[in-house]
């Protein structure tokens, strides 16, 4: 199965910029919370890496976020002390390139993920990230079959412990050359093959806009496979305001129209000074 064939068959290359004309979200005054219902709001830890985690927790609470995204076991006590959720746990993966699409890594990945599934469950969390890794010359069909085989080895454990495994879709055009899971049809097919409530896709809006566009249609058509969302501006992976091509209020409205009530995590790299203002603005934009 050729990757270009998958893309042509299931997804168009239309730009999202004119996909809909929907109004922006309700403004958030400082110290107020996003609205009840709809998506829950989080921020990715690594994008605010210059901010000490306790300070980021304080900022999250001030804005009204419910969680910090991409935090591993060592930092969970800090989140718990701040009353915040770990919306997407990490730490089981060795890196982003050695993943489930390549069977040479399966044994090590299975051992690591079995341990982390237990840690996530025991901490009272739910979501754990995983990656396809790089293709290394493999065709998409072979990588898909390999990923299915490898993930099935840990899926029963996740089901028993109430943990949901999320494979992130990343772009291979700009940020992650050779990454296997670089289109939503590839990920959706994997989700369908596994057929478990304990496996979903992390739909990164930034990455998929770069690879295929047509974001709103994809969310509407395949939202049942998407268990978590990430944001960032395109191009550049910076703020999600007017200086980039995505209309995030329309995208978030489409997400909520699918009935999704999970987490939308801001994963942009801030350029504003102070960075806290950029995060506050992003949450305002995504509160629709």
C-alpha atoms as a PDB file:
ATOM      1  CA  UNK A   1       0.000   0.000   0.000  1.00  0.00           C
ATOM      2  CA  UNK A   2       1.683   3.204  -1.188  1.00  0.00           C
ATOM      3  CA  UNK A   3       1.482   6.188   1.172  1.00  0.00           C
ATOM      4  CA  UNK A   4       0.516   8.568  -1.643  1.00  0.00           C
ATOM      5  CA  UNK A   5      -2.311   6.222  -2.628  1.00  0.00           C
ATOM      6  CA  UNK A   6      -3.689   6.298   0.918  1.00  0.00           C
ATOM      7  CA  UNK A   7      -3.640  10.072   0.926  1.00  0.00           C
ATOM      8  CA  UNK A   8      -5.300  10.438  -2.478  1.00  0.00           C
ATOM      9  CA  UNK A   9      -7.963   7.914  -1.684  1.00  0.00           C
ATOM     10  CA  UNK A  10      -9.096   9.133   1.708  1.00  0.00           C
ATOM     11  CA  UNK A  11      -8.012  12.721   2.181  1.00  0.00           C
ATOM     12  CA  UNK A  12      -7.916  15.774  -0.060  1.00  0.00           C
ATOM     13  CA  UNK A  13      -5.167  18.356  -0.078  1.00  0.00           C
ATOM     14  CA  UNK A  14      -7.499  21.317   0.402  1.00  0.00           C
ATOM     15  CA  UNK A  15      -6.266  24.079   2.678  1.00  0.00           C
ATOM     16  CA  UNK A  16      -8.135  24.622   5.910  1.00  0.00           C
ATOM     17  CA  UNK A  17      -7.975  28.394   5.755  1.00  0.00           C
ATOM     18  CA  UNK A  18     -11.406  28.822   4.159  1.00  0.00           C
ATOM     19  CA  UNK A  19     -13.065  25.671   5.488  1.00  0.00           C
ATOM     20  CA  UNK A  20     -15.666  27.434   7.614  1.00  0.00           C
ATOM     21  CA  UNK A  21     -16.755  30.831   8.839  1.00  0.00           C
ATOM     22  CA  UNK A  22     -17.475  30.482  12.531  1.00  0.00           C
ATOM     23  CA  UNK A  23     -17.196  33.030  15.282  1.00  0.00           C
ATOM     24  CA  UNK A  24     -14.330  33.172  17.780  1.00  0.00           C
ATOM     25  CA  UNK A  25     -14.547  31.943  21.346  1.00  0.00           C
ATOM     26  CA  UNK A  26     -15.656  33.876  24.394  1.00  0.00           C
ATOM     27  CA  UNK A  27     -12.929  36.049  25.853  1.00  0.00           C
ATOM     28  CA  UNK A  28     -11.335  34.962  29.096  1.00  0.00           C
ATOM     29  CA  UNK A  29     -10.537  37.554  31.710  1.00  0.00           C
ATOM     30  CA  UNK A  30      -7.462  36.895  33.809  1.00  0.00           C
ATOM     31  CA  UNK A  31      -8.141  34.327  36.483  1.00  0.00           C
ATOM     32  CA  UNK A  32     -11.324  32.976  34.894  1.00  0.00           C
ATOM     33  CA  UNK A  33     -11.794  29.427  33.687  1.00  0.00           C
ATOM     34  CA  UNK A  34     -12.686  28.128  30.238  1.00  0.00           C
ATOM     35  CA  UNK A  35     -16.345  27.226  29.857  1.00  0.00           C
ATOM     36  CA  UNK A  36     -17.766  24.049  31.338  1.00  0.00           C
ATOM     37  CA  UNK A  37     -18.424  21.303  28.821  1.00  0.00           C
ATOM     38  CA  UNK A  38     -16.778  20.770  25.464  1.00  0.00           C
ATOM     39  CA  UNK A  39     -13.040  20.203  25.266  1.00  0.00           C
ATOM     40  CA  UNK A  40     -10.854  20.291  28.344  1.00  0.00           C
ATOM     41  CA  UNK A  41      -7.799  22.521  28.119  1.00  0.00           C
ATOM     42  CA  UNK A  42      -4.144  21.654  28.743  1.00  0.00           C
ATOM     43  CA  UNK A  43      -0.662  22.824  27.789  1.00  0.00           C
ATOM     44  CA  UNK A  44       2.301  20.719  26.701  1.00  0.00           C
ATOM     45  CA  UNK A  45       5.116  20.774  29.245  1.00  0.00           C
ATOM     46  CA  UNK A  46       7.999  20.807  26.749  1.00  0.00           C
ATOM     47  CA  UNK A  47       6.895  23.957  24.941  1.00  0.00           C
ATOM     48  CA  UNK A  48       7.269  25.900  28.193  1.00  0.00           C
ATOM     49  CA  UNK A  49      10.514  24.161  29.098  1.00  0.00           C
ATOM     50  CA  UNK A  50      12.112  27.390  30.360  1.00  0.00           C
ATOM     51  CA  UNK A  51       9.397  27.663  32.998  1.00  0.00           C
ATOM     52  CA  UNK A  52       9.818  25.640  36.180  1.00  0.00           C
ATOM     53  CA  UNK A  53       7.046  23.065  36.425  1.00  0.00           C
ATOM     54  CA  UNK A  54       5.590  24.475  39.687  1.00  0.00           C
ATOM     55  CA  UNK A  55       5.402  27.895  38.014  1.00  0.00           C
ATOM     56  CA  UNK A  56       3.742  26.403  34.941  1.00  0.00           C
ATOM     57  CA  UNK A  57       1.227  24.707  37.231  1.00  0.00           C
ATOM     58  CA  UNK A  58       0.492  28.064  38.868  1.00  0.00           C
ATOM     59  CA  UNK A  59      -0.046  29.627  35.435  1.00  0.00           C
ATOM     60  CA  UNK A  60      -2.292  26.757  34.362  1.00  0.00           C
ATOM     61  CA  UNK A  61      -4.435  27.169  37.453  1.00  0.00           C
ATOM     62  CA  UNK A  62      -4.597  30.932  36.986  1.00  0.00           C
ATOM     63  CA  UNK A  63      -5.824  30.549  33.393  1.00  0.00           C
ATOM     64  CA  UNK A  64      -8.173  27.728  34.302  1.00  0.00           C
ATOM     65  CA  UNK A  65      -6.472  24.821  32.551  1.00  0.00           C
ATOM     66  CA  UNK A  66      -7.260  21.365  33.830  1.00  0.00           C
ATOM     67  CA  UNK A  67      -3.980  19.633  33.003  1.00  0.00           C
ATOM     68  CA  UNK A  68      -0.364  19.624  31.874  1.00  0.00           C
ATOM     69  CA  UNK A  69       0.391  17.465  28.840  1.00  0.00           C
ATOM     70  CA  UNK A  70       3.374  15.169  28.203  1.00  0.00           C
ATOM     71  CA  UNK A  71       4.565  14.725  31.754  1.00  0.00           C
ATOM     72  CA  UNK A  72       6.291  11.584  33.027  1.00  0.00           C
ATOM     73  CA  UNK A  73       6.171   9.760  36.366  1.00  0.00           C
ATOM     74  CA  UNK A  74       8.901  11.802  38.083  1.00  0.00           C
ATOM     75  CA  UNK A  75       6.817  14.968  37.770  1.00  0.00           C
ATOM     76  CA  UNK A  76       3.375  13.601  38.552  1.00  0.00           C
ATOM     77  CA  UNK A  77       3.652  14.516  42.276  1.00  0.00           C
ATOM     78  CA  UNK A  78       4.069  18.173  41.270  1.00  0.00           C
ATOM     79  CA  UNK A  79       0.908  18.023  39.177  1.00  0.00           C
ATOM     80  CA  UNK A  80      -1.008  16.299  41.955  1.00  0.00           C
ATOM     81  CA  UNK A  81       0.072  18.935  44.459  1.00  0.00           C
ATOM     82  CA  UNK A  82      -1.288  21.599  42.093  1.00  0.00           C
ATOM     83  CA  UNK A  83      -4.553  19.744  41.543  1.00  0.00           C
ATOM     84  CA  UNK A  84      -3.859  19.235  37.840  1.00  0.00           C
ATOM     85  CA  UNK A  85      -4.328  16.179  35.653  1.00  0.00           C
ATOM     86  CA  UNK A  86      -1.570  14.567  33.588  1.00  0.00           C
ATOM     87  CA  UNK A  87      -3.596  14.714  30.377  1.00  0.00           C
ATOM     88  CA  UNK A  88      -1.128  12.713  28.267  1.00  0.00           C
ATOM     89  CA  UNK A  89       1.499  10.726  30.116  1.00  0.00           C
ATOM     90  CA  UNK A  90       4.862   9.977  28.541  1.00  0.00           C
ATOM     91  CA  UNK A  91       8.167   8.349  29.445  1.00  0.00           C
ATOM     92  CA  UNK A  92       7.622   4.841  28.088  1.00  0.00           C
ATOM     93  CA  UNK A  93       8.969   5.767  24.651  1.00  0.00           C
ATOM     94  CA  UNK A  94      12.772   5.712  24.138  1.00  0.00           C
ATOM     95  CA  UNK A  95      12.513   8.478  21.517  1.00  0.00           C
ATOM     96  CA  UNK A  96      10.334   9.393  18.527  1.00  0.00           C
ATOM     97  CA  UNK A  97      12.198   7.340  15.929  1.00  0.00           C
ATOM     98  CA  UNK A  98      12.375   3.814  17.414  1.00  0.00           C
ATOM     99  CA  UNK A  99       8.733   2.839  17.504  1.00  0.00           C
ATOM    100  CA  UNK A 100       6.155   0.146  16.919  1.00  0.00           C
ATOM    101  CA  UNK A 101       6.412   0.163  13.125  1.00  0.00           C
ATOM    102  CA  UNK A 102       9.791  -1.572  13.346  1.00  0.00           C
ATOM    103  CA  UNK A 103       9.786  -5.043  14.948  1.00  0.00           C
ATOM    104  CA  UNK A 104      13.421  -4.794  16.021  1.00  0.00           C
ATOM    105  CA  UNK A 105      12.221  -2.511  18.836  1.00  0.00           C
ATOM    106  CA  UNK A 106       9.163  -4.480  19.919  1.00  0.00           C
ATOM    107  CA  UNK A 107      10.633  -6.436  22.822  1.00  0.00           C
ATOM    108  CA  UNK A 108      12.131  -3.351  24.468  1.00  0.00           C
ATOM    109  CA  UNK A 109       8.996  -1.312  23.826  1.00  0.00           C
ATOM    110  CA  UNK A 110       6.708  -3.977  25.250  1.00  0.00           C
ATOM    111  CA  UNK A 111       8.754  -4.184  28.455  1.00  0.00           C
ATOM    112  CA  UNK A 112       8.768  -0.409  28.876  1.00  0.00           C
ATOM    113  CA  UNK A 113       5.086   0.042  28.071  1.00  0.00           C
ATOM    114  CA  UNK A 114       3.915  -2.750  30.348  1.00  0.00           C
ATOM    115  CA  UNK A 115       5.702  -1.007  33.223  1.00  0.00           C
ATOM    116  CA  UNK A 116       4.355   2.445  32.321  1.00  0.00           C
ATOM    117  CA  UNK A 117       0.804   1.225  31.781  1.00  0.00           C
ATOM    118  CA  UNK A 118       0.875   0.050  35.389  1.00  0.00           C
ATOM    119  CA  UNK A 119       2.385   3.330  36.574  1.00  0.00           C
ATOM    120  CA  UNK A 120      -0.252   5.374  34.745  1.00  0.00           C
ATOM    121  CA  UNK A 121      -3.075   3.268  36.160  1.00  0.00           C
ATOM    122  CA  UNK A 122      -1.705   3.338  39.704  1.00  0.00           C
ATOM    123  CA  UNK A 123      -1.371   7.124  39.552  1.00  0.00           C
ATOM    124  CA  UNK A 124      -5.022   7.412  38.558  1.00  0.00           C
ATOM    125  CA  UNK A 125      -4.290   8.683  35.048  1.00  0.00           C
ATOM    126  CA  UNK A 126      -5.673   7.463  31.748  1.00  0.00           C
ATOM    127  CA  UNK A 127      -3.709   8.457  28.625  1.00  0.00           C
ATOM    128  CA  UNK A 128      -0.265   7.218  27.533  1.00  0.00           C
ATOM    129  CA  UNK A 129       1.494   8.276  24.333  1.00  0.00           C
ATOM    130  CA  UNK A 130       3.276   6.026  21.852  1.00  0.00           C
ATOM    131  CA  UNK A 131       4.874   6.462  18.438  1.00  0.00           C
ATOM    132  CA  UNK A 132       5.186   4.594  15.170  1.00  0.00           C
ATOM    133  CA  UNK A 133       8.842   5.542  14.813  1.00  0.00           C
ATOM    134  CA  UNK A 134      10.617   5.863  11.488  1.00  0.00           C
ATOM    135  CA  UNK A 135      10.033   3.816   8.345  1.00  0.00           C
ATOM    136  CA  UNK A 136      13.694   2.988   7.611  1.00  0.00           C
ATOM    137  CA  UNK A 137      12.814   1.938   4.076  1.00  0.00           C
ATOM    138  CA  UNK A 138       9.621   0.067   5.001  1.00  0.00           C
ATOM    139  CA  UNK A 139       6.489   0.596   2.933  1.00  0.00           C
ATOM    140  CA  UNK A 140       3.433   1.894   4.843  1.00  0.00           C
ATOM    141  CA  UNK A 141       1.581  -1.416   4.639  1.00  0.00           C
ATOM    142  CA  UNK A 142       4.428  -3.332   6.242  1.00  0.00           C
ATOM    143  CA  UNK A 143       4.819  -0.673   8.921  1.00  0.00           C
ATOM    144  CA  UNK A 144       1.100  -0.822   9.603  1.00  0.00           C
ATOM    145  CA  UNK A 145       1.154  -4.594  10.048  1.00  0.00           C
ATOM    146  CA  UNK A 146       4.207  -4.364  12.293  1.00  0.00           C
ATOM    147  CA  UNK A 147       2.616  -1.689  14.465  1.00  0.00           C
ATOM    148  CA  UNK A 148      -0.553  -3.756  14.793  1.00  0.00           C
ATOM    149  CA  UNK A 149       1.459  -6.791  15.898  1.00  0.00           C
ATOM    150  CA  UNK A 150       3.546  -4.862  18.408  1.00  0.00           C
ATOM    151  CA  UNK A 151       0.719  -2.895  19.981  1.00  0.00           C
ATOM    152  CA  UNK A 152      -1.429  -5.999  20.368  1.00  0.00           C
ATOM    153  CA  UNK A 153       1.232  -7.307  22.737  1.00  0.00           C
ATOM    154  CA  UNK A 154       0.455  -4.500  25.221  1.00  0.00           C
ATOM    155  CA  UNK A 155      -3.176  -3.809  24.390  1.00  0.00           C
ATOM    156  CA  UNK A 156      -4.606  -6.406  26.751  1.00  0.00           C
ATOM    157  CA  UNK A 157      -2.626  -4.918  29.624  1.00  0.00           C
ATOM    158  CA  UNK A 158      -3.931  -1.452  28.779  1.00  0.00           C
ATOM    159  CA  UNK A 159      -7.515  -2.734  28.621  1.00  0.00           C
ATOM    160  CA  UNK A 160      -7.185  -4.439  31.998  1.00  0.00           C
ATOM    161  CA  UNK A 161      -5.742  -1.323  33.642  1.00  0.00           C
ATOM    162  CA  UNK A 162      -8.118   1.180  32.028  1.00  0.00           C
ATOM    163  CA  UNK A 163      -5.326   2.976  30.150  1.00  0.00           C
ATOM    164  CA  UNK A 164      -5.766   4.380  26.645  1.00  0.00           C
ATOM    165  CA  UNK A 165      -2.737   4.195  24.347  1.00  0.00           C
ATOM    166  CA  UNK A 166      -2.469   7.110  21.910  1.00  0.00           C
ATOM    167  CA  UNK A 167      -0.306   7.006  18.792  1.00  0.00           C
ATOM    168  CA  UNK A 168       0.650  10.504  17.736  1.00  0.00           C
ATOM    169  CA  UNK A 169       0.414  11.504  14.088  1.00  0.00           C
ATOM    170  CA  UNK A 170       3.457  13.637  13.128  1.00  0.00           C
ATOM    171  CA  UNK A 171       4.500  15.337   9.922  1.00  0.00           C
ATOM    172  CA  UNK A 172       7.448  13.894   7.987  1.00  0.00           C
ATOM    173  CA  UNK A 173       7.734  16.941   5.733  1.00  0.00           C
ATOM    174  CA  UNK A 174       9.173  19.520   8.139  1.00  0.00           C
ATOM    175  CA  UNK A 175       9.805  18.226  11.653  1.00  0.00           C
ATOM    176  CA  UNK A 176      10.108  14.431  11.648  1.00  0.00           C
ATOM    177  CA  UNK A 177      11.619  13.085   8.415  1.00  0.00           C
ATOM    178  CA  UNK A 178      10.833   9.412   7.734  1.00  0.00           C
ATOM    179  CA  UNK A 179       8.212   9.145  10.494  1.00  0.00           C
ATOM    180  CA  UNK A 180       5.812   6.350   9.560  1.00  0.00           C
ATOM    181  CA  UNK A 181       2.486   7.543  11.039  1.00  0.00           C
ATOM    182  CA  UNK A 182       2.419  10.767   9.058  1.00  0.00           C
ATOM    183  CA  UNK A 183      -1.135  10.658   7.654  1.00  0.00           C
ATOM    184  CA  UNK A 184      -4.496  10.251   9.309  1.00  0.00           C
ATOM    185  CA  UNK A 185      -5.632   7.391   6.994  1.00  0.00           C
ATOM    186  CA  UNK A 186      -2.654   5.286   8.123  1.00  0.00           C
ATOM    187  CA  UNK A 187      -3.549   5.929  11.755  1.00  0.00           C
ATOM    188  CA  UNK A 188      -7.274   5.392  11.246  1.00  0.00           C
ATOM    189  CA  UNK A 189      -6.587   2.047   9.589  1.00  0.00           C
ATOM    190  CA  UNK A 190      -4.451   1.024  12.569  1.00  0.00           C
ATOM    191  CA  UNK A 191      -7.197   2.118  14.954  1.00  0.00           C
ATOM    192  CA  UNK A 192      -9.763   0.094  13.025  1.00  0.00           C
ATOM    193  CA  UNK A 193      -7.563  -3.002  12.935  1.00  0.00           C
ATOM    194  CA  UNK A 194      -6.934  -2.895  16.681  1.00  0.00           C
ATOM    195  CA  UNK A 195     -10.613  -2.329  17.401  1.00  0.00           C
ATOM    196  CA  UNK A 196     -10.169  -1.428  21.062  1.00  0.00           C
ATOM    197  CA  UNK A 197     -11.354   1.439  23.251  1.00  0.00           C
ATOM    198  CA  UNK A 198      -7.849   1.343  24.737  1.00  0.00           C
ATOM    199  CA  UNK A 199      -6.248   2.555  21.512  1.00  0.00           C
ATOM    200  CA  UNK A 200      -6.783   5.956  19.951  1.00  0.00           C
ATOM    201  CA  UNK A 201      -4.880   8.483  17.862  1.00  0.00           C
ATOM    202  CA  UNK A 202      -3.387  11.723  19.086  1.00  0.00           C
ATOM    203  CA  UNK A 203      -4.477  14.007  16.270  1.00  0.00           C
ATOM    204  CA  UNK A 204      -1.946  16.824  16.093  1.00  0.00           C
ATOM    205  CA  UNK A 205      -3.671  19.583  14.139  1.00  0.00           C
ATOM    206  CA  UNK A 206      -0.394  21.335  13.293  1.00  0.00           C
ATOM    207  CA  UNK A 207       1.253  18.196  11.923  1.00  0.00           C
ATOM    208  CA  UNK A 208      -1.741  17.063   9.884  1.00  0.00           C
ATOM    209  CA  UNK A 209      -2.326  20.509   8.393  1.00  0.00           C
ATOM    210  CA  UNK A 210       1.225  20.318   7.038  1.00  0.00           C
ATOM    211  CA  UNK A 211       0.804  16.791   5.669  1.00  0.00           C
ATOM    212  CA  UNK A 212      -2.725  16.787   4.268  1.00  0.00           C
ATOM    213  CA  UNK A 213      -4.889  19.753   5.229  1.00  0.00           C
ATOM    214  CA  UNK A 214      -8.670  19.240   5.209  1.00  0.00           C
ATOM    215  CA  UNK A 215      -8.531  19.165   8.993  1.00  0.00           C
ATOM    216  CA  UNK A 216     -12.200  19.838   9.755  1.00  0.00           C
ATOM    217  CA  UNK A 217     -13.467  17.175   7.364  1.00  0.00           C
ATOM    218  CA  UNK A 218     -11.006  14.662   8.833  1.00  0.00           C
ATOM    219  CA  UNK A 219     -12.184  15.411  12.367  1.00  0.00           C
ATOM    220  CA  UNK A 220     -15.818  15.029  11.347  1.00  0.00           C
ATOM    221  CA  UNK A 221     -15.206  11.789   9.448  1.00  0.00           C
ATOM    222  CA  UNK A 222     -12.824  10.063  11.862  1.00  0.00           C
ATOM    223  CA  UNK A 223     -13.358  11.708  15.240  1.00  0.00           C
ATOM    224  CA  UNK A 224     -14.197   8.345  16.779  1.00  0.00           C
ATOM    225  CA  UNK A 225     -10.515   7.398  16.355  1.00  0.00           C
ATOM    226  CA  UNK A 226      -9.151  10.630  17.860  1.00  0.00           C
ATOM    227  CA  UNK A 227      -8.723  10.576  21.626  1.00  0.00           C
ATOM    228  CA  UNK A 228      -6.577  13.679  22.110  1.00  0.00           C
ATOM    229  CA  UNK A 229      -5.690  16.842  20.188  1.00  0.00           C
ATOM    230  CA  UNK A 230      -2.645  19.125  19.955  1.00  0.00           C
ATOM    231  CA  UNK A 231      -2.475  22.662  18.580  1.00  0.00           C
ATOM    232  CA  UNK A 232       0.144  24.950  17.032  1.00  0.00           C
ATOM    233  CA  UNK A 233       0.244  27.602  14.354  1.00  0.00           C
ATOM    234  CA  UNK A 234       1.092  26.731  10.746  1.00  0.00           C
ATOM    235  CA  UNK A 235       3.676  27.530   9.536  1.00  0.00           C
ATOM    236  CA  UNK A 236       6.279  27.820  12.272  1.00  0.00           C
ATOM    237  CA  UNK A 237       4.671  25.973  15.205  1.00  0.00           C
ATOM    238  CA  UNK A 238       4.196  29.219  17.098  1.00  0.00           C
ATOM    239  CA  UNK A 239       1.128  31.058  18.403  1.00  0.00           C
ATOM    240  CA  UNK A 240      -2.291  30.113  17.013  1.00  0.00           C
ATOM    241  CA  UNK A 241      -3.529  33.643  16.376  1.00  0.00           C
ATOM    242  CA  UNK A 242      -4.053  35.643  13.195  1.00  0.00           C
ATOM    243  CA  UNK A 243      -0.502  35.242  11.864  1.00  0.00           C
ATOM    244  CA  UNK A 244      -0.968  31.663  10.665  1.00  0.00           C
ATOM    245  CA  UNK A 245      -3.250  29.749   8.327  1.00  0.00           C
ATOM    246  CA  UNK A 246      -5.493  27.707  10.657  1.00  0.00           C
ATOM    247  CA  UNK A 247      -8.768  29.065  12.028  1.00  0.00           C
ATOM    248  CA  UNK A 248      -8.741  27.424  15.422  1.00  0.00           C
ATOM    249  CA  UNK A 249     -12.213  28.504  16.608  1.00  0.00           C
ATOM    250  CA  UNK A 250     -13.691  26.647  13.616  1.00  0.00           C
ATOM    251  CA  UNK A 251     -11.485  23.628  14.231  1.00  0.00           C
ATOM    252  CA  UNK A 252     -12.401  23.433  17.916  1.00  0.00           C
ATOM    253  CA  UNK A 253     -16.070  23.821  17.110  1.00  0.00           C
ATOM    254  CA  UNK A 254     -15.788  20.863  14.718  1.00  0.00           C
ATOM    255  CA  UNK A 255     -14.101  18.821  17.457  1.00  0.00           C
ATOM    256  CA  UNK A 256     -16.868  19.598  19.922  1.00  0.00           C
ATOM    257  CA  UNK A 257     -19.556  18.795  17.347  1.00  0.00           C
ATOM    258  CA  UNK A 258     -18.265  15.192  17.319  1.00  0.00           C
ATOM    259  CA  UNK A 259     -19.140  14.947  21.020  1.00  0.00           C
ATOM    260  CA  UNK A 260     -15.507  15.008  22.106  1.00  0.00           C
ATOM    261  CA  UNK A 261     -14.992  16.033  25.753  1.00  0.00           C
ATOM    262  CA  UNK A 262     -11.339  15.027  26.159  1.00  0.00           C
ATOM    263  CA  UNK A 263      -8.252  17.204  26.134  1.00  0.00           C
ATOM    264  CA  UNK A 264      -7.070  19.818  23.669  1.00  0.00           C
ATOM    265  CA  UNK A 265      -3.463  20.621  24.577  1.00  0.00           C
ATOM    266  CA  UNK A 266      -1.674  23.750  23.414  1.00  0.00           C
ATOM    267  CA  UNK A 267       1.642  22.614  21.924  1.00  0.00           C
ATOM    268  CA  UNK A 268       2.868  25.776  20.229  1.00  0.00           C
ATOM    269  CA  UNK A 269       6.308  27.262  20.885  1.00  0.00           C
ATOM    270  CA  UNK A 270       5.654  30.753  22.262  1.00  0.00           C
ATOM    271  CA  UNK A 271       7.445  33.788  20.854  1.00  0.00           C
ATOM    272  CA  UNK A 272       5.491  36.399  22.820  1.00  0.00           C
ATOM    273  CA  UNK A 273       6.943  38.125  25.866  1.00  0.00           C
ATOM    274  CA  UNK A 274       5.619  37.163  28.281  1.00  0.00           C
ATOM    275  CA  UNK A 275       4.908  33.642  27.069  1.00  0.00           C
ATOM    276  CA  UNK A 276       2.073  33.426  29.586  1.00  0.00           C
ATOM    277  CA  UNK A 277       0.112  35.955  27.523  1.00  0.00           C
ATOM    278  CA  UNK A 278       0.375  33.726  24.461  1.00  0.00           C
ATOM    279  CA  UNK A 279      -0.982  30.758  26.401  1.00  0.00           C
ATOM    280  CA  UNK A 280      -3.850  32.805  27.800  1.00  0.00           C
ATOM    281  CA  UNK A 281      -4.708  34.040  24.297  1.00  0.00           C
ATOM    282  CA  UNK A 282      -4.574  30.493  22.902  1.00  0.00           C
ATOM    283  CA  UNK A 283      -7.055  29.216  25.469  1.00  0.00           C
ATOM    284  CA  UNK A 284      -9.333  32.165  24.694  1.00  0.00           C
ATOM    285  CA  UNK A 285      -9.176  31.370  20.956  1.00  0.00           C
ATOM    286  CA  UNK A 286     -10.030  27.716  21.638  1.00  0.00           C
ATOM    287  CA  UNK A 287     -12.943  28.431  23.965  1.00  0.00           C
ATOM    288  CA  UNK A 288     -15.896  28.462  21.567  1.00  0.00           C
END
